N, C-alpha and C. Protein backbone atom coordinates (compact mmCIF):
# COMPACT_ATOMS: atom_id res chain seq x y z
N MET A 1 122.18 37.80 81.26
CA MET A 1 122.81 37.25 82.63
C MET A 1 121.59 35.76 82.29
N SER A 2 122.92 34.34 82.61
CA SER A 2 122.03 33.36 82.41
C SER A 2 120.79 33.17 84.10
N ARG A 3 119.78 32.08 83.53
CA ARG A 3 118.95 31.38 84.78
C ARG A 3 119.76 31.20 85.67
N THR A 4 121.29 30.72 85.51
CA THR A 4 121.54 29.92 86.24
C THR A 4 122.52 30.72 87.52
N ASP A 5 122.79 31.70 86.65
CA ASP A 5 123.42 32.84 87.69
C ASP A 5 122.71 33.94 88.12
N GLU A 6 121.15 33.95 88.04
CA GLU A 6 120.00 34.65 88.60
C GLU A 6 120.15 33.84 89.85
N HIS A 7 119.25 32.64 89.64
CA HIS A 7 119.44 31.24 90.37
C HIS A 7 120.45 31.55 92.00
N GLU A 8 122.07 31.69 91.57
CA GLU A 8 122.93 31.73 92.38
C GLU A 8 122.84 32.83 93.14
N ILE A 9 122.39 34.30 92.33
CA ILE A 9 122.32 35.52 93.08
C ILE A 9 121.05 35.98 93.72
N LEU A 10 119.98 35.09 93.64
CA LEU A 10 118.99 34.75 94.72
C LEU A 10 119.33 33.87 95.61
N ALA A 11 119.97 32.67 95.63
CA ALA A 11 120.58 32.16 96.82
C ALA A 11 121.03 32.73 97.79
N ARG A 12 122.37 33.45 97.63
CA ARG A 12 123.38 34.43 98.32
C ARG A 12 122.32 35.54 98.76
N ILE A 13 121.15 36.45 97.72
CA ILE A 13 120.42 36.94 99.03
C ILE A 13 119.59 36.39 99.77
N ALA A 14 119.06 34.84 99.84
CA ALA A 14 118.44 34.03 100.51
C ALA A 14 119.06 34.16 101.63
N ALA A 15 120.53 33.91 101.62
CA ALA A 15 121.38 33.38 102.83
C ALA A 15 122.16 34.73 103.36
N GLY A 16 121.65 35.99 103.00
CA GLY A 16 122.06 37.10 103.62
C GLY A 16 123.45 37.80 103.51
N LEU A 17 123.86 37.01 102.40
CA LEU A 17 125.39 37.28 102.16
C LEU A 17 125.52 38.78 100.94
N VAL A 18 126.20 39.12 101.03
CA VAL A 18 126.48 40.45 100.29
C VAL A 18 126.02 40.23 98.82
N TYR A 19 125.57 40.69 98.50
CA TYR A 19 125.00 41.19 96.59
C TYR A 19 125.57 42.74 96.13
N THR A 20 125.63 43.02 95.21
CA THR A 20 125.61 44.18 94.36
C THR A 20 124.55 44.53 93.73
N GLU A 21 124.38 46.16 93.00
CA GLU A 21 123.42 46.58 92.28
C GLU A 21 123.17 45.71 91.13
N SER A 22 124.49 46.27 90.52
CA SER A 22 124.49 44.88 89.23
C SER A 22 124.20 43.87 89.37
N GLU A 23 124.52 43.06 90.39
CA GLU A 23 123.92 41.62 90.01
C GLU A 23 122.39 41.79 90.43
N ALA A 24 121.79 42.89 91.31
CA ALA A 24 120.50 42.40 91.50
C ALA A 24 119.31 43.05 90.52
N ALA A 25 120.57 43.65 89.71
CA ALA A 25 119.40 44.58 88.08
C ALA A 25 118.11 43.62 87.68
N PHE A 26 118.57 42.21 87.37
CA PHE A 26 117.76 41.58 86.80
C PHE A 26 116.35 41.79 87.70
N GLN A 27 115.97 41.89 88.97
CA GLN A 27 115.06 42.16 89.83
C GLN A 27 114.31 43.48 89.37
N ALA A 28 114.67 44.22 88.39
CA ALA A 28 113.64 45.50 88.25
C ALA A 28 112.79 45.47 87.97
N PRO A 29 112.08 44.62 87.37
CA PRO A 29 110.85 44.48 86.59
C PRO A 29 109.80 44.77 88.06
N LEU A 30 110.60 43.73 89.20
CA LEU A 30 109.16 43.55 90.42
C LEU A 30 109.20 45.13 90.68
N ARG A 31 109.64 46.20 90.67
CA ARG A 31 109.56 46.81 91.17
C ARG A 31 108.43 48.29 90.24
N ARG A 32 107.86 48.75 91.59
CA ARG A 32 106.53 49.35 91.20
C ARG A 32 106.41 50.89 91.57
N THR A 33 107.42 51.49 90.86
CA THR A 33 107.42 52.63 91.13
C THR A 33 106.41 53.63 90.76
N GLU A 34 105.82 53.21 89.54
CA GLU A 34 105.03 53.95 88.96
C GLU A 34 103.91 53.80 89.38
N GLU A 35 103.16 52.46 90.26
CA GLU A 35 101.96 52.31 90.36
C GLU A 35 102.07 52.96 92.15
N ILE A 36 103.75 53.31 92.90
CA ILE A 36 103.41 54.18 93.92
C ILE A 36 103.55 55.57 93.48
N PHE A 37 103.86 55.69 92.86
CA PHE A 37 103.55 57.30 92.45
C PHE A 37 102.17 57.66 92.08
N ALA A 38 101.81 56.82 91.10
CA ALA A 38 99.82 57.34 91.47
C ALA A 38 99.33 56.90 92.42
N TYR A 39 99.79 56.14 93.82
CA TYR A 39 99.07 56.07 94.48
C TYR A 39 99.13 57.12 95.24
N ASN A 40 100.42 57.58 95.87
CA ASN A 40 100.67 58.82 96.39
C ASN A 40 100.00 59.82 95.56
N HIS A 41 99.50 60.06 94.68
CA HIS A 41 99.10 61.06 94.19
C HIS A 41 97.57 61.08 93.79
N THR A 42 96.81 60.20 94.41
CA THR A 42 95.28 59.61 94.10
C THR A 42 94.69 60.85 95.26
N PRO A 43 93.35 61.22 94.62
CA PRO A 43 93.02 62.20 95.65
C PRO A 43 92.27 61.48 96.91
N PRO A 44 92.02 61.97 98.16
CA PRO A 44 91.45 60.77 98.91
C PRO A 44 90.23 60.29 98.92
N GLY A 45 89.14 61.47 97.67
CA GLY A 45 87.68 60.48 97.82
C GLY A 45 87.96 59.51 96.39
N GLU A 46 89.05 59.26 96.25
CA GLU A 46 88.96 57.74 95.49
C GLU A 46 89.43 56.42 95.85
N THR A 47 88.29 56.25 96.80
CA THR A 47 89.14 54.72 97.70
C THR A 47 89.00 53.54 96.86
N ARG A 48 88.66 53.39 95.83
CA ARG A 48 88.61 52.43 95.19
C ARG A 48 89.82 52.28 94.11
N ARG A 49 90.25 53.56 93.68
CA ARG A 49 91.36 53.75 93.09
C ARG A 49 92.42 53.30 93.64
N ARG A 50 92.26 53.75 94.77
CA ARG A 50 93.78 53.40 96.23
C ARG A 50 93.83 52.09 96.08
N ARG A 51 92.14 51.34 96.54
CA ARG A 51 92.93 50.19 96.52
C ARG A 51 93.15 49.22 95.12
N GLU A 52 92.76 49.82 93.94
CA GLU A 52 93.11 48.94 93.43
C GLU A 52 94.67 49.12 93.20
N LEU A 53 95.27 50.35 92.93
CA LEU A 53 96.50 50.64 93.31
C LEU A 53 97.41 49.49 93.92
N LEU A 54 96.76 49.94 95.27
CA LEU A 54 97.84 48.76 96.29
C LEU A 54 97.46 47.42 96.00
N VAL A 55 96.63 46.88 95.36
CA VAL A 55 96.49 45.41 95.17
C VAL A 55 97.63 45.40 93.95
N ALA A 56 97.70 46.60 93.07
CA ALA A 56 98.71 46.06 92.12
C ALA A 56 100.23 46.36 92.71
N ILE A 57 100.46 47.09 93.68
CA ILE A 57 101.28 47.12 94.12
C ILE A 57 102.26 46.14 94.95
N LEU A 58 101.41 45.73 96.52
CA LEU A 58 101.83 45.01 96.82
C LEU A 58 101.65 43.51 96.65
N GLY A 59 102.71 42.69 97.60
CA GLY A 59 102.63 41.20 96.95
C GLY A 59 101.37 40.34 97.24
N SER A 60 100.69 40.84 98.62
CA SER A 60 99.46 40.58 99.15
C SER A 60 98.84 41.51 99.95
N VAL A 61 97.95 41.93 99.86
CA VAL A 61 96.92 43.01 100.77
C VAL A 61 95.85 42.21 101.40
N GLY A 62 95.65 42.45 102.65
CA GLY A 62 94.11 41.68 103.03
C GLY A 62 92.76 42.83 103.06
N GLU A 63 91.80 42.82 103.60
CA GLU A 63 90.66 43.83 103.82
C GLU A 63 90.93 44.61 104.41
N ARG A 64 90.16 45.63 104.46
CA ARG A 64 90.09 46.70 105.49
C ARG A 64 91.39 47.32 105.69
N THR A 65 92.23 47.31 104.68
CA THR A 65 93.45 48.12 104.87
C THR A 65 93.61 49.41 104.46
N VAL A 66 94.21 50.17 105.55
CA VAL A 66 94.79 51.59 105.87
C VAL A 66 96.25 52.34 105.02
N LEU A 67 96.40 52.53 103.97
CA LEU A 67 97.51 53.20 104.01
C LEU A 67 97.88 54.72 103.91
N LEU A 68 97.88 55.41 104.55
CA LEU A 68 97.74 56.88 104.03
C LEU A 68 99.39 57.45 103.48
N PRO A 69 98.80 58.24 102.11
CA PRO A 69 100.20 58.88 101.40
C PRO A 69 100.38 59.98 101.86
N PRO A 70 102.01 60.01 101.83
CA PRO A 70 102.61 59.24 100.77
C PRO A 70 103.35 58.02 101.73
N PHE A 71 103.25 57.21 100.89
CA PHE A 71 104.48 55.63 101.56
C PHE A 71 105.41 55.70 100.47
N HIS A 72 106.49 55.16 100.55
CA HIS A 72 107.37 54.48 99.65
C HIS A 72 107.96 52.96 100.14
N ALA A 73 108.37 52.61 98.66
CA ALA A 73 108.49 51.45 98.61
C ALA A 73 110.03 51.37 97.75
N GLY A 74 110.89 50.06 97.74
CA GLY A 74 112.03 49.97 96.69
C GLY A 74 111.26 49.24 95.76
N PHE A 75 110.73 48.36 96.41
CA PHE A 75 109.82 47.25 95.01
C PHE A 75 108.66 47.30 95.59
N GLY A 76 107.75 47.33 96.74
CA GLY A 76 106.71 47.16 96.93
C GLY A 76 105.66 45.77 96.75
N SER A 77 106.43 44.94 95.78
CA SER A 77 105.86 43.57 95.33
C SER A 77 106.43 42.78 96.54
N ASN A 78 107.13 43.23 97.01
CA ASN A 78 107.55 42.06 98.37
C ASN A 78 107.46 42.43 99.63
N VAL A 79 106.21 43.28 99.81
CA VAL A 79 105.58 43.41 100.89
C VAL A 79 104.20 43.19 100.91
N HIS A 80 103.98 41.85 102.25
CA HIS A 80 103.07 41.68 102.07
C HIS A 80 101.92 41.55 103.45
N ILE A 81 100.53 42.14 103.42
CA ILE A 81 100.06 42.46 104.52
C ILE A 81 98.57 42.13 104.66
N GLY A 82 98.37 41.99 106.21
CA GLY A 82 97.26 40.91 106.32
C GLY A 82 96.10 42.15 106.55
N ASP A 83 94.95 41.77 107.00
CA ASP A 83 93.42 42.19 107.71
C ASP A 83 93.83 43.60 108.29
N ASP A 84 93.05 44.45 108.08
CA ASP A 84 92.58 45.75 109.39
C ASP A 84 94.23 46.26 109.72
N PHE A 85 95.11 46.20 108.52
CA PHE A 85 96.14 47.28 108.76
C PHE A 85 95.64 48.84 108.88
N PHE A 86 96.70 49.77 109.77
CA PHE A 86 96.90 50.98 109.56
C PHE A 86 98.16 51.28 109.44
N GLY A 87 98.23 52.08 108.19
CA GLY A 87 99.96 52.60 107.73
C GLY A 87 99.82 54.43 108.32
N ASN A 88 100.28 55.00 108.87
CA ASN A 88 100.13 56.22 109.10
C ASN A 88 101.35 57.21 107.92
N VAL A 89 100.91 58.09 107.27
CA VAL A 89 102.14 59.00 106.48
C VAL A 89 103.46 58.58 106.54
N ASN A 90 104.09 58.50 105.33
CA ASN A 90 106.00 58.55 105.25
C ASN A 90 106.34 57.13 105.96
N LEU A 91 105.44 56.16 105.54
CA LEU A 91 105.88 55.23 105.70
C LEU A 91 106.74 53.90 104.51
N THR A 92 108.35 53.89 105.29
CA THR A 92 109.09 53.27 104.34
C THR A 92 109.38 51.40 104.46
N PHE A 93 109.53 51.57 103.13
CA PHE A 93 109.52 49.99 103.14
C PHE A 93 110.75 50.31 102.15
N VAL A 94 112.04 49.37 102.83
CA VAL A 94 113.21 48.81 102.33
C VAL A 94 113.15 47.14 102.01
N ASP A 95 112.19 47.11 100.89
CA ASP A 95 111.76 45.80 100.59
C ASP A 95 112.58 45.22 99.46
N ASP A 96 113.91 44.81 99.87
CA ASP A 96 114.44 44.23 98.90
C ASP A 96 114.22 42.60 99.06
N VAL A 97 114.19 41.74 100.18
CA VAL A 97 113.41 41.08 100.66
C VAL A 97 112.33 41.34 100.96
N GLU A 98 111.56 40.40 101.65
CA GLU A 98 109.80 40.01 101.96
C GLU A 98 109.71 40.99 103.53
N ILE A 99 108.97 41.41 103.75
CA ILE A 99 108.47 42.14 104.36
C ILE A 99 106.79 41.89 104.70
N ARG A 100 106.61 40.84 105.80
CA ARG A 100 105.52 40.76 106.16
C ARG A 100 104.85 40.66 107.16
N ILE A 101 103.29 41.33 107.05
CA ILE A 101 102.91 42.11 108.22
C ILE A 101 101.43 41.54 108.87
N GLY A 102 101.29 41.05 109.76
CA GLY A 102 100.25 40.28 109.83
C GLY A 102 98.83 40.90 110.20
N ASP A 103 98.07 40.54 110.96
CA ASP A 103 96.32 41.34 111.13
C ASP A 103 96.49 42.02 111.90
N GLY A 104 96.01 43.17 112.07
CA GLY A 104 95.49 44.20 113.16
C GLY A 104 96.91 45.35 113.63
N VAL A 105 97.71 45.22 113.00
CA VAL A 105 98.66 46.08 113.18
C VAL A 105 98.86 47.43 112.74
N MET A 106 99.44 48.09 113.66
CA MET A 106 99.34 50.25 113.74
C MET A 106 100.30 50.18 113.39
N ILE A 107 101.11 51.41 112.29
CA ILE A 107 102.08 51.75 112.53
C ILE A 107 101.75 53.17 111.99
N ALA A 108 102.72 54.58 112.70
CA ALA A 108 102.40 55.86 113.38
C ALA A 108 103.75 56.12 112.18
N PRO A 109 103.15 57.54 112.20
CA PRO A 109 104.19 58.46 111.08
C PRO A 109 105.41 58.17 111.28
N GLY A 110 105.69 58.05 110.06
CA GLY A 110 107.74 58.38 109.58
C GLY A 110 108.32 56.85 110.26
N VAL A 111 107.85 55.73 110.20
CA VAL A 111 108.43 54.72 110.07
C VAL A 111 109.17 54.45 109.03
N THR A 112 110.24 53.32 109.10
CA THR A 112 110.86 52.78 108.15
C THR A 112 111.19 50.98 108.58
N LEU A 113 110.64 50.64 107.25
CA LEU A 113 111.29 48.79 107.68
C LEU A 113 111.89 48.72 106.80
N THR A 114 113.35 48.29 107.02
CA THR A 114 114.31 48.04 105.70
C THR A 114 115.34 46.61 106.14
N THR A 115 114.42 45.93 105.24
CA THR A 115 115.58 44.38 105.15
C THR A 115 116.91 44.02 104.89
N THR A 116 117.47 45.79 104.67
CA THR A 116 118.35 45.49 103.74
C THR A 116 119.70 46.61 104.43
N GLY A 117 121.08 46.02 104.41
CA GLY A 117 121.98 46.30 105.39
C GLY A 117 123.04 46.54 104.50
N HIS A 118 124.75 47.67 104.63
CA HIS A 118 125.42 47.67 104.08
C HIS A 118 126.64 47.36 104.85
N PRO A 119 127.92 46.55 104.40
CA PRO A 119 128.75 45.70 104.90
C PRO A 119 129.83 47.18 105.63
N VAL A 120 130.34 46.96 106.65
CA VAL A 120 130.87 47.99 107.63
C VAL A 120 132.35 48.30 106.17
N HIS A 121 132.97 47.66 105.96
CA HIS A 121 134.40 47.74 105.50
C HIS A 121 134.03 48.73 103.82
N PRO A 122 134.32 49.71 103.67
CA PRO A 122 134.03 50.45 102.53
C PRO A 122 134.22 49.67 101.13
N ALA A 123 135.24 48.90 100.81
CA ALA A 123 135.58 48.62 99.80
C ALA A 123 134.37 47.13 99.04
N ARG A 124 133.60 46.87 100.34
CA ARG A 124 132.38 45.93 100.24
C ARG A 124 131.34 46.09 99.80
N ARG A 125 131.19 47.98 99.85
CA ARG A 125 130.06 48.58 99.43
C ARG A 125 130.50 49.07 98.01
N ALA A 126 131.25 48.66 97.25
CA ALA A 126 131.32 49.21 95.64
C ALA A 126 130.16 48.71 95.07
N ASP A 127 129.55 48.97 94.25
CA ASP A 127 128.68 48.80 93.10
C ASP A 127 127.36 48.85 94.55
N PHE A 128 127.33 49.39 95.84
CA PHE A 128 126.24 49.53 96.02
C PHE A 128 126.03 48.56 96.95
N GLY A 129 127.42 47.43 97.64
CA GLY A 129 127.24 46.16 98.44
C GLY A 129 126.49 46.09 99.48
N ARG A 130 125.19 45.37 99.00
CA ARG A 130 124.27 45.21 100.76
C ARG A 130 123.59 43.74 101.04
N PHE A 131 123.29 43.57 101.92
CA PHE A 131 122.89 42.43 102.04
C PHE A 131 121.73 42.93 102.90
N SER A 132 120.63 41.53 102.99
CA SER A 132 118.83 41.63 102.74
C SER A 132 118.29 40.58 103.71
N GLU A 133 117.67 40.89 104.64
CA GLU A 133 117.41 39.50 105.46
C GLU A 133 115.36 40.67 105.67
N PRO A 134 114.82 39.23 105.56
CA PRO A 134 113.35 39.67 105.77
C PRO A 134 113.41 39.95 107.02
N ILE A 135 111.70 40.77 107.20
CA ILE A 135 111.67 41.05 108.48
C ILE A 135 109.73 40.62 108.58
N VAL A 136 109.37 39.94 109.83
CA VAL A 136 108.01 40.06 110.23
C VAL A 136 107.52 40.55 110.88
N ILE A 137 106.62 41.37 111.04
CA ILE A 137 105.67 41.55 112.12
C ILE A 137 104.29 41.00 112.37
N GLU A 138 104.38 40.51 113.79
CA GLU A 138 102.99 39.18 113.78
C GLU A 138 101.93 40.53 114.20
N ASP A 139 100.43 39.78 114.05
CA ASP A 139 99.20 40.29 114.58
C ASP A 139 99.73 41.04 115.60
N LYS A 140 98.65 42.31 115.30
CA LYS A 140 97.89 43.45 116.60
C LYS A 140 99.35 44.42 116.78
N VAL A 141 100.40 43.89 116.60
CA VAL A 141 101.49 45.07 116.94
C VAL A 141 101.61 46.23 116.15
N TRP A 142 101.76 47.38 117.84
CA TRP A 142 102.07 48.94 117.33
C TRP A 142 102.98 49.24 117.21
N ILE A 143 103.17 49.89 116.34
CA ILE A 143 105.19 50.46 116.25
C ILE A 143 104.97 52.30 116.10
N GLY A 144 105.38 52.76 117.19
CA GLY A 144 105.21 53.95 117.64
C GLY A 144 105.86 55.15 116.20
N SER A 145 106.15 56.21 116.19
CA SER A 145 106.71 57.13 115.50
C SER A 145 107.91 57.47 115.05
N ASN A 146 108.46 57.19 113.91
CA ASN A 146 109.76 57.23 113.66
C ASN A 146 110.69 56.32 113.99
N ALA A 147 110.03 55.01 114.13
CA ALA A 147 110.77 54.06 114.34
C ALA A 147 111.36 53.62 113.55
N VAL A 148 112.89 52.66 113.36
CA VAL A 148 113.18 51.73 112.56
C VAL A 148 113.47 50.58 112.60
N VAL A 149 113.05 49.50 111.51
CA VAL A 149 113.23 48.05 112.01
C VAL A 149 113.82 47.63 111.07
N LEU A 150 115.09 46.71 111.65
CA LEU A 150 116.38 46.84 110.56
C LEU A 150 116.37 45.60 110.20
N PRO A 151 116.83 44.37 109.34
CA PRO A 151 117.06 43.63 109.11
C PRO A 151 117.17 42.50 109.69
N GLY A 152 116.09 40.93 109.72
CA GLY A 152 115.61 40.20 109.96
C GLY A 152 115.29 40.09 111.29
N VAL A 153 114.52 41.08 111.49
CA VAL A 153 114.11 41.41 113.00
C VAL A 153 112.49 40.53 112.87
N ARG A 154 111.92 39.73 114.08
CA ARG A 154 110.52 39.42 114.14
C ARG A 154 110.02 40.31 115.15
N ILE A 155 108.96 40.89 115.12
CA ILE A 155 108.08 41.40 115.92
C ILE A 155 107.09 40.98 116.82
N GLY A 156 106.67 40.42 117.85
CA GLY A 156 106.05 39.66 118.23
C GLY A 156 104.56 40.14 118.22
N TYR A 157 103.45 39.11 118.37
CA TYR A 157 102.33 39.38 118.36
C TYR A 157 102.06 40.35 119.67
N GLY A 158 101.02 41.40 119.05
CA GLY A 158 100.94 41.95 120.18
C GLY A 158 101.36 43.35 121.15
N SER A 159 103.12 43.51 120.62
CA SER A 159 103.63 43.78 120.91
C SER A 159 103.86 45.56 120.38
N VAL A 160 103.96 46.16 121.48
CA VAL A 160 104.34 47.56 121.00
C VAL A 160 105.53 48.13 121.19
N ILE A 161 106.07 49.15 119.85
CA ILE A 161 107.75 49.55 119.84
C ILE A 161 107.53 51.66 120.10
N GLY A 162 108.43 51.35 120.98
CA GLY A 162 107.64 53.10 121.24
C GLY A 162 108.57 53.99 120.09
N ALA A 163 108.15 55.12 120.55
CA ALA A 163 108.80 55.83 119.32
C ALA A 163 110.11 56.44 119.39
N GLY A 164 110.95 56.65 117.60
CA GLY A 164 112.03 56.91 117.95
C GLY A 164 112.93 55.41 117.96
N SER A 165 112.51 54.53 118.11
CA SER A 165 112.96 53.29 118.38
C SER A 165 113.90 52.56 117.12
N VAL A 166 115.05 52.09 117.75
CA VAL A 166 116.06 51.31 116.17
C VAL A 166 115.92 49.72 116.83
N VAL A 167 114.69 49.13 115.87
CA VAL A 167 114.71 47.66 116.78
C VAL A 167 115.77 47.02 115.85
N SER A 168 116.83 46.28 116.31
CA SER A 168 117.91 45.42 115.69
C SER A 168 118.23 44.05 116.16
N ARG A 169 116.93 43.68 117.17
CA ARG A 169 117.22 42.40 117.53
C ARG A 169 115.38 42.31 117.51
N ASP A 170 115.28 40.52 117.63
CA ASP A 170 113.32 39.82 117.77
C ASP A 170 112.96 40.69 118.84
N ILE A 171 111.62 40.99 119.12
CA ILE A 171 111.22 41.24 120.02
C ILE A 171 110.57 40.10 120.52
N PRO A 172 109.82 39.65 121.67
CA PRO A 172 108.53 38.91 122.17
C PRO A 172 107.41 38.75 122.16
N PRO A 173 106.62 38.30 122.02
CA PRO A 173 105.30 38.89 122.01
C PRO A 173 104.54 39.56 123.21
N MET A 174 103.75 40.43 123.23
CA MET A 174 102.92 40.89 124.32
C MET A 174 104.15 41.34 125.26
N SER A 175 104.88 42.40 124.71
CA SER A 175 105.84 43.04 125.11
C SER A 175 105.66 44.59 125.38
N VAL A 176 106.76 45.69 125.63
CA VAL A 176 106.65 46.93 125.35
C VAL A 176 108.13 47.09 125.42
N ALA A 177 108.33 47.72 124.46
CA ALA A 177 110.19 47.63 123.54
C ALA A 177 110.16 48.71 123.54
N VAL A 178 111.73 50.25 124.15
CA VAL A 178 111.48 50.99 123.53
C VAL A 178 113.54 51.32 123.71
N GLY A 179 113.90 52.22 122.69
CA GLY A 179 114.80 53.10 122.69
C GLY A 179 115.48 52.57 121.06
N ALA A 180 117.40 52.76 121.62
CA ALA A 180 118.14 52.86 120.79
C ALA A 180 119.47 52.37 121.36
N PRO A 181 119.59 51.06 120.80
CA PRO A 181 119.18 49.77 120.65
C PRO A 181 117.54 49.49 121.45
N CYS A 182 116.79 49.07 120.42
CA CYS A 182 114.89 48.86 121.39
C CYS A 182 115.55 47.67 122.21
N ARG A 183 115.17 47.62 122.96
CA ARG A 183 114.93 47.09 124.85
C ARG A 183 113.51 46.56 125.10
N VAL A 184 113.16 45.55 125.79
CA VAL A 184 111.94 45.30 126.38
C VAL A 184 111.97 45.80 127.90
N VAL A 185 111.03 46.54 128.18
CA VAL A 185 110.92 47.23 129.37
C VAL A 185 110.18 47.14 130.44
N ARG A 186 109.21 45.57 129.46
CA ARG A 186 108.26 45.33 130.42
C ARG A 186 107.41 44.56 129.60
N ALA A 187 106.66 43.69 130.40
CA ALA A 187 105.42 42.65 129.58
C ALA A 187 104.47 43.42 129.56
N ILE A 188 103.14 42.87 128.73
CA ILE A 188 102.08 43.74 128.31
C ILE A 188 101.08 42.62 129.33
N THR A 189 100.35 42.92 130.51
CA THR A 189 99.05 41.89 131.30
C THR A 189 97.98 42.71 131.18
N ASP A 190 97.38 41.81 131.64
CA ASP A 190 95.37 42.29 131.75
C ASP A 190 95.75 43.60 132.42
N GLU A 191 96.78 43.80 133.46
CA GLU A 191 96.32 45.57 134.19
C GLU A 191 96.24 46.50 133.20
N ASP A 192 96.78 46.17 131.90
CA ASP A 192 96.85 47.18 130.71
C ASP A 192 95.59 47.52 130.46
N LEU A 193 94.66 46.43 130.38
CA LEU A 193 93.23 46.82 130.43
C LEU A 193 92.40 47.94 131.09
N THR A 194 93.25 48.17 131.66
CA THR A 194 92.28 49.33 133.11
C THR A 194 92.92 50.63 132.86
N THR A 195 93.86 50.78 132.21
CA THR A 195 94.56 52.01 132.04
C THR A 195 93.59 52.99 131.22
N ARG A 196 93.36 54.34 131.08
CA ARG A 196 92.55 55.32 130.34
C ARG A 196 91.28 54.98 130.30
N VAL A 197 90.63 54.37 131.30
CA VAL A 197 89.58 54.35 131.19
C VAL A 197 89.12 55.18 132.13
N ALA A 198 87.37 55.68 131.16
CA ALA A 198 86.71 56.72 132.50
C ALA A 198 85.53 55.89 133.31
N ASN A 199 85.74 56.41 134.28
CA ASN A 199 84.96 56.01 135.51
C ASN A 199 83.38 56.01 135.04
N VAL A 200 82.31 54.93 135.56
CA VAL A 200 81.43 55.34 134.87
C VAL A 200 80.30 56.22 135.90
N PRO A 201 79.88 57.15 135.87
CA PRO A 201 79.31 57.92 136.89
C PRO A 201 78.48 57.22 137.87
N GLY A 202 78.61 57.75 139.13
CA GLY A 202 78.20 56.76 140.32
C GLY A 202 78.59 55.68 141.00
N GLN A 203 79.96 55.13 140.18
CA GLN A 203 80.65 54.09 140.86
C GLN A 203 81.94 54.74 141.30
N HIS A 204 82.19 53.70 142.14
CA HIS A 204 83.63 54.38 143.08
C HIS A 204 84.52 53.71 142.96
N THR A 205 86.07 54.03 143.06
CA THR A 205 86.89 52.92 142.31
C THR A 205 87.97 52.57 143.02
């Protein structure tokens, strides 16, 4: 395949148009499958080794990042994570294009972030035909267990995604959103600062 062909395919991918497995095969060297396997089999006490592998796997990674194994990624190199990230077990990145995660993000067990979908008509799924759109998760977001974030979604600053949600549309900042499909149920306000706070002995509320 020529450089011109590669640029044309990359342009189609960037535009969210359908492309095939064969057309995208030139991107195979960007997959970090061996490093991901090594990370998932590194003993818990080898924190320095885990950090070295994570830096080698991801497109970029901030400080004080925790990603509990096992995790899974199609590429790994298309994932960008900020500072103070916590990702629990069985986090899956379907990162055919970029997934960008901000600072202070928490992700619960069993979450899938998928940038890729497939055409509805079966004839267009020949050779694993697919389309891809980037995902953006802004700072301070919390995503609950077993949620799925679909292609092209942006989750706004500080928002909470309920467990088991299927996020198919953008979520605005400082919102609680739940369900399949995921919908905003309320705003996050200063009243949320007072929930689950222990009373100080001797004080009345």
